Amino acid sequence: MDTGRELERYMEDVVIRYDRRAANLWREKGGEVIRLSSAERDEFMQRTAPISDRIMGGDPELAPIYNLLKTCAERTRLTEHERKKGSGL
């Protein structure tokens, strides 16, 4: 747990840089990056969460880790640092 906390900020920056590089590469190749607003992202998650719950949560082998990851995700939603740096496609 302590190691995870120590690496959290570093890894957050790594993910944000990766996200930006991927988006730039996508644009360079002619793609369009569309970022959802917070409201749109919330609606997307609300609509798709039941699908994940049914598929991943309904699988006896996957359910324990899926539920653990879900619990962790609920506790660690996007941080203020992530929002400022533009993370979260």
N, C-alpha and C. Protein backbone atom coordinates (compact mmCIF):
# COMPACT_ATOMS: atom_id res chain seq x y z
N MET A 1 0.81 -1.19 0.00
CA MET A 1 0.00 0.00 0.00
C MET A 1 0.86 1.26 0.00
N ASP A 2 1.90 1.28 0.83
CA ASP A 2 2.77 2.46 0.87
C ASP A 2 3.47 2.68 -0.47
N THR A 3 3.92 1.60 -1.09
CA THR A 3 4.59 1.71 -2.38
C THR A 3 3.63 2.28 -3.42
N GLY A 4 2.40 1.82 -3.39
CA GLY A 4 1.40 2.33 -4.32
C GLY A 4 1.18 3.81 -4.15
N ARG A 5 1.11 4.27 -2.92
CA ARG A 5 0.93 5.70 -2.67
C ARG A 5 2.13 6.50 -3.17
N GLU A 6 3.32 5.95 -2.97
CA GLU A 6 4.53 6.64 -3.41
C GLU A 6 4.58 6.76 -4.93
N LEU A 7 4.10 5.76 -5.62
CA LEU A 7 4.15 5.76 -7.08
C LEU A 7 2.94 6.43 -7.74
N GLU A 8 1.92 6.70 -6.97
CA GLU A 8 0.67 7.18 -7.54
C GLU A 8 0.84 8.44 -8.38
N ARG A 9 1.48 9.46 -7.84
CA ARG A 9 1.62 10.73 -8.58
C ARG A 9 2.48 10.52 -9.84
N TYR A 10 3.56 9.76 -9.70
CA TYR A 10 4.42 9.49 -10.85
C TYR A 10 3.63 8.77 -11.95
N MET A 11 2.92 7.71 -11.59
CA MET A 11 2.17 6.95 -12.58
C MET A 11 1.04 7.77 -13.17
N GLU A 12 0.46 8.63 -12.37
CA GLU A 12 -0.59 9.52 -12.86
C GLU A 12 -0.03 10.38 -13.99
N ASP A 13 1.16 10.93 -13.78
CA ASP A 13 1.79 11.75 -14.82
C ASP A 13 2.14 10.91 -16.05
N VAL A 14 2.60 9.68 -15.84
CA VAL A 14 2.91 8.79 -16.96
C VAL A 14 1.66 8.55 -17.81
N VAL A 15 0.56 8.26 -17.16
CA VAL A 15 -0.70 7.98 -17.87
C VAL A 15 -1.17 9.23 -18.62
N ILE A 16 -1.06 10.38 -17.98
CA ILE A 16 -1.49 11.62 -18.63
C ILE A 16 -0.64 11.91 -19.86
N ARG A 17 0.68 11.72 -19.76
CA ARG A 17 1.55 11.94 -20.91
C ARG A 17 1.23 10.94 -22.02
N TYR A 18 0.99 9.69 -21.67
CA TYR A 18 0.64 8.66 -22.65
C TYR A 18 -0.66 9.04 -23.36
N ASP A 19 -1.63 9.49 -22.59
CA ASP A 19 -2.93 9.89 -23.13
C ASP A 19 -2.75 11.00 -24.16
N ARG A 20 -1.94 11.99 -23.82
CA ARG A 20 -1.70 13.10 -24.74
C ARG A 20 -0.97 12.64 -26.00
N ARG A 21 0.05 11.80 -25.83
CA ARG A 21 0.79 11.31 -27.01
C ARG A 21 -0.13 10.51 -27.92
N ALA A 22 -0.94 9.65 -27.34
CA ALA A 22 -1.86 8.82 -28.14
C ALA A 22 -2.84 9.71 -28.89
N ALA A 23 -3.38 10.73 -28.22
CA ALA A 23 -4.32 11.64 -28.87
C ALA A 23 -3.64 12.40 -30.00
N ASN A 24 -2.42 12.85 -29.78
CA ASN A 24 -1.69 13.58 -30.83
C ASN A 24 -1.41 12.68 -32.02
N LEU A 25 -0.99 11.45 -31.77
CA LEU A 25 -0.73 10.51 -32.85
C LEU A 25 -2.01 10.22 -33.64
N TRP A 26 -3.09 10.06 -32.93
CA TRP A 26 -4.38 9.81 -33.57
C TRP A 26 -4.72 10.97 -34.51
N ARG A 27 -4.52 12.20 -34.02
CA ARG A 27 -4.80 13.38 -34.86
C ARG A 27 -3.87 13.43 -36.07
N GLU A 28 -2.57 13.15 -35.84
CA GLU A 28 -1.60 13.18 -36.93
C GLU A 28 -1.97 12.19 -38.04
N LYS A 29 -2.62 11.10 -37.68
CA LYS A 29 -3.01 10.08 -38.65
C LYS A 29 -4.39 10.35 -39.24
N GLY A 30 -4.95 11.53 -38.92
CA GLY A 30 -6.22 11.92 -39.50
C GLY A 30 -7.43 11.66 -38.63
N GLY A 31 -7.21 11.17 -37.44
CA GLY A 31 -8.34 10.90 -36.54
C GLY A 31 -8.81 12.14 -35.82
N GLU A 32 -9.95 12.05 -35.23
CA GLU A 32 -10.52 13.13 -34.43
C GLU A 32 -10.69 12.63 -33.01
N VAL A 33 -10.22 13.41 -32.07
CA VAL A 33 -10.38 13.06 -30.66
C VAL A 33 -11.56 13.85 -30.12
N ILE A 34 -12.52 13.15 -29.61
CA ILE A 34 -13.70 13.79 -29.04
C ILE A 34 -13.69 13.52 -27.54
N ARG A 35 -13.64 14.57 -26.78
CA ARG A 35 -13.63 14.43 -25.32
C ARG A 35 -15.05 14.69 -24.81
N LEU A 36 -15.52 13.78 -24.02
CA LEU A 36 -16.86 13.92 -23.46
C LEU A 36 -16.84 14.93 -22.32
N SER A 37 -17.93 15.66 -22.20
CA SER A 37 -18.07 16.55 -21.04
C SER A 37 -18.27 15.68 -19.80
N SER A 38 -18.17 16.27 -18.65
CA SER A 38 -18.40 15.51 -17.42
C SER A 38 -19.78 14.88 -17.40
N ALA A 39 -20.77 15.65 -17.85
CA ALA A 39 -22.15 15.13 -17.87
C ALA A 39 -22.27 13.96 -18.85
N GLU A 40 -21.65 14.09 -20.02
CA GLU A 40 -21.70 13.01 -21.01
C GLU A 40 -20.95 11.78 -20.51
N ARG A 41 -19.81 11.99 -19.87
CA ARG A 41 -19.04 10.88 -19.32
C ARG A 41 -19.84 10.16 -18.24
N ASP A 42 -20.50 10.93 -17.39
CA ASP A 42 -21.34 10.34 -16.33
C ASP A 42 -22.47 9.51 -16.93
N GLU A 43 -23.11 10.05 -17.98
CA GLU A 43 -24.19 9.32 -18.62
C GLU A 43 -23.67 8.04 -19.29
N PHE A 44 -22.52 8.14 -19.94
CA PHE A 44 -21.91 6.96 -20.58
C PHE A 44 -21.65 5.88 -19.53
N MET A 45 -21.06 6.26 -18.43
CA MET A 45 -20.75 5.30 -17.38
C MET A 45 -22.03 4.70 -16.80
N GLN A 46 -23.03 5.52 -16.61
CA GLN A 46 -24.30 5.03 -16.07
C GLN A 46 -24.94 4.01 -17.03
N ARG A 47 -24.84 4.26 -18.31
CA ARG A 47 -25.44 3.35 -19.30
C ARG A 47 -24.65 2.06 -19.48
N THR A 48 -23.32 2.14 -19.38
CA THR A 48 -22.50 0.96 -19.67
C THR A 48 -22.14 0.14 -18.44
N ALA A 49 -22.20 0.72 -17.26
CA ALA A 49 -21.84 -0.03 -16.04
C ALA A 49 -22.64 -1.32 -15.88
N PRO A 50 -23.94 -1.31 -16.14
CA PRO A 50 -24.69 -2.57 -15.99
C PRO A 50 -24.20 -3.69 -16.91
N ILE A 51 -23.67 -3.32 -18.08
CA ILE A 51 -23.15 -4.33 -19.00
C ILE A 51 -21.91 -4.98 -18.39
N SER A 52 -20.99 -4.16 -17.90
CA SER A 52 -19.79 -4.69 -17.24
C SER A 52 -20.15 -5.53 -16.03
N ASP A 53 -21.09 -5.02 -15.25
CA ASP A 53 -21.50 -5.77 -14.06
C ASP A 53 -22.05 -7.14 -14.43
N ARG A 54 -22.83 -7.18 -15.50
CA ARG A 54 -23.43 -8.46 -15.91
C ARG A 54 -22.36 -9.42 -16.45
N ILE A 55 -21.47 -8.90 -17.29
CA ILE A 55 -20.47 -9.77 -17.92
C ILE A 55 -19.35 -10.13 -16.96
N MET A 56 -18.70 -9.12 -16.39
CA MET A 56 -17.56 -9.38 -15.52
C MET A 56 -18.01 -9.84 -14.13
N GLY A 57 -19.00 -9.17 -13.59
CA GLY A 57 -19.49 -9.53 -12.26
C GLY A 57 -20.23 -10.84 -12.23
N GLY A 58 -20.73 -11.26 -13.39
CA GLY A 58 -21.47 -12.52 -13.46
C GLY A 58 -20.59 -13.73 -13.71
N ASP A 59 -19.32 -13.52 -13.96
CA ASP A 59 -18.39 -14.61 -14.21
C ASP A 59 -17.76 -15.03 -12.89
N PRO A 60 -17.98 -16.26 -12.44
CA PRO A 60 -17.47 -16.69 -11.13
C PRO A 60 -15.96 -16.55 -10.98
N GLU A 61 -15.22 -16.67 -12.07
CA GLU A 61 -13.76 -16.53 -11.98
C GLU A 61 -13.33 -15.07 -11.94
N LEU A 62 -14.04 -14.21 -12.64
CA LEU A 62 -13.67 -12.81 -12.73
C LEU A 62 -14.30 -11.93 -11.65
N ALA A 63 -15.43 -12.35 -11.13
CA ALA A 63 -16.20 -11.51 -10.20
C ALA A 63 -15.39 -11.02 -9.00
N PRO A 64 -14.60 -11.85 -8.32
CA PRO A 64 -13.87 -11.33 -7.15
C PRO A 64 -12.93 -10.17 -7.48
N ILE A 65 -12.12 -10.31 -8.52
CA ILE A 65 -11.19 -9.23 -8.86
C ILE A 65 -11.94 -8.05 -9.46
N TYR A 66 -12.97 -8.31 -10.25
CA TYR A 66 -13.76 -7.23 -10.83
C TYR A 66 -14.39 -6.39 -9.73
N ASN A 67 -14.99 -7.04 -8.76
CA ASN A 67 -15.63 -6.31 -7.66
C ASN A 67 -14.61 -5.54 -6.83
N LEU A 68 -13.43 -6.11 -6.63
CA LEU A 68 -12.37 -5.40 -5.91
C LEU A 68 -11.93 -4.16 -6.69
N LEU A 69 -11.71 -4.32 -7.99
CA LEU A 69 -11.32 -3.18 -8.82
C LEU A 69 -12.40 -2.10 -8.83
N LYS A 70 -13.63 -2.53 -8.88
CA LYS A 70 -14.74 -1.58 -8.87
C LYS A 70 -14.78 -0.78 -7.56
N THR A 71 -14.57 -1.47 -6.46
CA THR A 71 -14.55 -0.80 -5.16
C THR A 71 -13.41 0.21 -5.10
N CYS A 72 -12.24 -0.20 -5.58
CA CYS A 72 -11.09 0.72 -5.60
C CYS A 72 -11.35 1.92 -6.50
N ALA A 73 -11.95 1.68 -7.66
CA ALA A 73 -12.24 2.77 -8.59
C ALA A 73 -13.21 3.77 -7.99
N GLU A 74 -14.18 3.28 -7.24
CA GLU A 74 -15.14 4.17 -6.61
C GLU A 74 -14.47 5.08 -5.59
N ARG A 75 -13.42 4.57 -4.95
CA ARG A 75 -12.69 5.37 -3.95
C ARG A 75 -11.70 6.33 -4.59
N THR A 76 -11.32 6.07 -5.83
CA THR A 76 -10.24 6.86 -6.44
C THR A 76 -10.63 7.42 -7.79
N ARG A 77 -11.74 8.07 -7.85
CA ARG A 77 -12.16 8.70 -9.10
C ARG A 77 -11.11 9.71 -9.54
N LEU A 78 -11.27 10.30 -10.72
CA LEU A 78 -10.30 11.28 -11.20
C LEU A 78 -9.95 12.29 -10.12
N THR A 79 -8.67 12.52 -9.96
CA THR A 79 -8.21 13.50 -8.99
C THR A 79 -8.23 14.89 -9.61
N GLU A 80 -8.09 15.90 -8.78
CA GLU A 80 -8.01 17.27 -9.28
C GLU A 80 -6.81 17.42 -10.20
N HIS A 81 -5.72 16.75 -9.87
CA HIS A 81 -4.51 16.79 -10.71
C HIS A 81 -4.81 16.24 -12.10
N GLU A 82 -5.52 15.15 -12.18
CA GLU A 82 -5.88 14.57 -13.48
C GLU A 82 -6.76 15.52 -14.28
N ARG A 83 -7.72 16.12 -13.62
CA ARG A 83 -8.61 17.03 -14.32
C ARG A 83 -7.82 18.22 -14.88
N LYS A 84 -6.89 18.76 -14.10
CA LYS A 84 -6.09 19.90 -14.55
C LYS A 84 -5.18 19.52 -15.71
N LYS A 85 -4.64 18.30 -15.68
CA LYS A 85 -3.71 17.85 -16.72
C LYS A 85 -4.45 17.34 -17.96
N GLY A 86 -5.76 17.15 -17.87
CA GLY A 86 -6.54 16.74 -19.04
C GLY A 86 -6.65 15.24 -19.22
N SER A 87 -6.55 14.48 -18.16
CA SER A 87 -6.68 13.04 -18.28
C SER A 87 -8.14 12.65 -18.42
N GLY A 88 -8.34 11.46 -18.93
CA GLY A 88 -9.71 10.94 -19.03
C GLY A 88 -10.33 11.20 -20.38
N LEU A 89 -10.03 10.33 -21.33
CA LEU A 89 -10.64 10.51 -22.66
C LEU A 89 -12.13 10.38 -22.59
